[in-house]
Amino acid sequence: QVQLVESGGGLVQPGGSLRLSCAASGSIFSINRMGWYRQAPGQQRELVATVNSGHATDYGDSVKGRFTISRENAKNTVHLQMNSLKPEDTAVYYCNALGYDSSRKIYDTWGQGTQVTVSS
């Protein structure tokens, strides 16, 4: 099994910054893609940002230019630097990892989520 541990959520004022991290562990052969999604109350889960094993990135439209995703392949870790935060960024942020485990089976694993609240 593959597990994800998230860290870095919290309360921040509008215009502030936060950095989320997610570390994968377990029976990992490869991590093809890692990323972050978020879900606000009453809304569907949406893409925030993903990065693949080649460090190619994809961002949701609402966070482009404000958020930056990066990956440390050797540590199976992904970071999300969030700047210029807005109240509408308030949500539970979920880490996701997609790849192959040590048995060469595909996994698509989610973390438990970390709350980000942007409020004055």
Protein backbone atom coordinates (compact mmCIF):
# COMPACT_ATOMS: atom_id res chain seq x y z
CA GLN A 1 0.00 0.00 0.00
CA VAL A 2 0.93 3.61 -0.55
CA GLN A 3 0.24 6.22 2.11
CA LEU A 4 0.27 9.99 1.92
CA VAL A 5 0.96 12.33 4.82
CA GLU A 6 0.03 15.98 4.39
CA SER A 7 1.23 18.95 6.39
CA GLY A 8 1.16 22.73 6.37
CA GLY A 9 -2.46 23.76 6.44
CA GLY A 10 -3.85 26.44 8.72
CA LEU A 11 -5.34 29.88 9.04
CA VAL A 12 -3.89 32.80 7.10
CA GLN A 13 -5.01 36.33 6.32
CA PRO A 14 -5.93 37.37 2.78
CA GLY A 15 -2.80 38.15 0.81
CA GLY A 16 -0.73 35.81 2.93
CA SER A 17 1.15 32.63 2.08
CA LEU A 18 1.14 29.00 3.10
CA ARG A 19 3.19 26.00 2.05
CA LEU A 20 1.67 22.53 1.92
CA SER A 21 3.74 19.37 1.78
CA CYS A 22 2.83 15.78 1.06
CA ALA A 23 5.09 12.78 1.54
CA ALA A 24 4.39 9.37 0.04
CA SER A 25 5.56 6.15 1.61
CA GLY A 26 4.95 2.43 1.38
CA SER A 27 5.30 -0.06 -1.45
CA ILE A 28 6.23 2.42 -4.13
CA PHE A 29 7.78 1.45 -7.44
CA SER A 30 7.05 4.73 -9.15
CA ILE A 31 5.07 7.93 -8.68
CA ASN A 32 3.96 9.10 -12.09
CA ARG A 33 2.02 12.09 -10.86
CA MET A 34 1.51 13.88 -7.54
CA GLY A 35 -0.66 16.82 -6.86
CA TRP A 36 -3.24 18.72 -4.90
CA TYR A 37 -6.98 19.03 -5.19
CA ARG A 38 -9.33 20.98 -2.98
CA GLN A 39 -12.93 20.89 -1.92
CA ALA A 40 -14.87 23.73 -0.38
CA PRO A 41 -18.16 23.15 1.48
CA GLY A 42 -20.97 22.39 -0.93
CA GLN A 43 -18.66 22.27 -3.93
CA GLN A 44 -17.05 19.55 -6.00
CA ARG A 45 -13.41 18.62 -5.60
CA GLU A 46 -11.31 20.57 -8.07
CA LEU A 47 -7.79 20.51 -9.42
CA VAL A 48 -5.28 22.81 -7.75
CA ALA A 49 -2.00 21.61 -9.25
CA THR A 50 -0.20 18.47 -10.34
CA VAL A 51 3.38 17.60 -11.26
CA ASN A 52 4.54 14.50 -13.08
CA SER A 53 7.78 12.56 -12.79
CA GLY A 54 9.33 14.80 -15.42
CA HIS A 55 8.38 17.90 -13.40
CA ALA A 56 5.77 19.01 -15.93
CA THR A 57 3.04 20.91 -14.12
CA ASP A 58 -0.66 21.62 -14.51
CA TYR A 59 -2.65 24.23 -12.59
CA GLY A 60 -6.27 25.04 -12.05
CA ASP A 61 -7.24 28.34 -13.64
CA SER A 62 -8.09 29.99 -10.35
CA VAL A 63 -4.59 29.49 -8.90
CA LYS A 64 -2.37 30.17 -11.90
CA GLY A 65 0.25 32.79 -11.13
CA ARG A 66 -0.29 32.48 -7.37
CA PHE A 67 0.49 28.85 -6.52
CA THR A 68 3.60 26.87 -7.38
CA ILE A 69 3.93 23.11 -7.16
CA SER A 70 7.30 21.38 -6.87
CA ARG A 71 8.47 17.85 -6.37
CA GLU A 72 11.39 16.13 -4.68
CA ASN A 73 11.60 12.78 -6.43
CA ALA A 74 14.23 11.36 -4.08
CA LYS A 75 11.97 12.04 -1.10
CA ASN A 76 8.67 11.15 -2.79
CA THR A 77 7.45 14.54 -1.67
CA VAL A 78 5.47 17.31 -3.29
CA HIS A 79 5.15 20.90 -2.09
CA LEU A 80 2.55 23.53 -2.87
CA GLN A 81 3.60 27.14 -2.30
CA MET A 82 0.48 29.27 -2.06
CA ASN A 83 0.89 33.03 -2.31
CA SER A 84 -1.57 35.91 -2.50
CA LEU A 85 -4.20 33.79 -0.84
CA LYS A 86 -7.83 34.78 -1.16
CA PRO A 87 -10.86 33.89 0.96
CA GLU A 88 -12.11 31.78 -1.95
CA ASP A 89 -9.05 29.56 -1.54
CA THR A 90 -10.55 28.31 1.71
CA ALA A 91 -11.05 24.56 1.38
CA VAL A 92 -9.81 21.17 2.44
CA TYR A 93 -6.75 20.40 0.35
CA TYR A 94 -6.13 16.79 -0.60
CA CYS A 95 -2.88 15.29 -1.81
CA ASN A 96 -3.06 12.68 -4.56
CA ALA A 97 -0.48 10.28 -5.96
CA LEU A 98 -0.75 8.08 -9.04
CA GLY A 99 1.78 5.44 -10.00
CA TYR A 100 2.81 1.79 -9.72
CA ASP A 101 3.43 -0.11 -6.51
CA SER A 102 6.14 -2.69 -5.91
CA SER A 103 3.85 -5.35 -7.43
CA ARG A 104 3.56 -3.19 -10.55
CA LYS A 105 -0.08 -2.52 -9.83
CA ILE A 106 -1.52 0.92 -10.41
CA TYR A 107 -2.42 2.93 -7.34
CA ASP A 108 -4.37 6.17 -7.09
CA THR A 109 -4.07 7.27 -3.49
CA TRP A 110 -5.52 10.20 -1.58
CA GLY A 111 -4.40 11.83 1.62
CA GLN A 112 -6.79 12.61 4.46
CA GLY A 113 -6.84 16.31 3.68
CA THR A 114 -5.62 19.45 5.37
CA GLN A 115 -7.73 22.51 6.07
CA VAL A 116 -6.71 25.87 4.60
CA THR A 117 -8.67 28.86 5.83
CA VAL A 118 -8.12 32.35 4.44
CA SER A 119 -9.80 34.93 6.62
CA SER A 120 -9.14 38.20 8.35
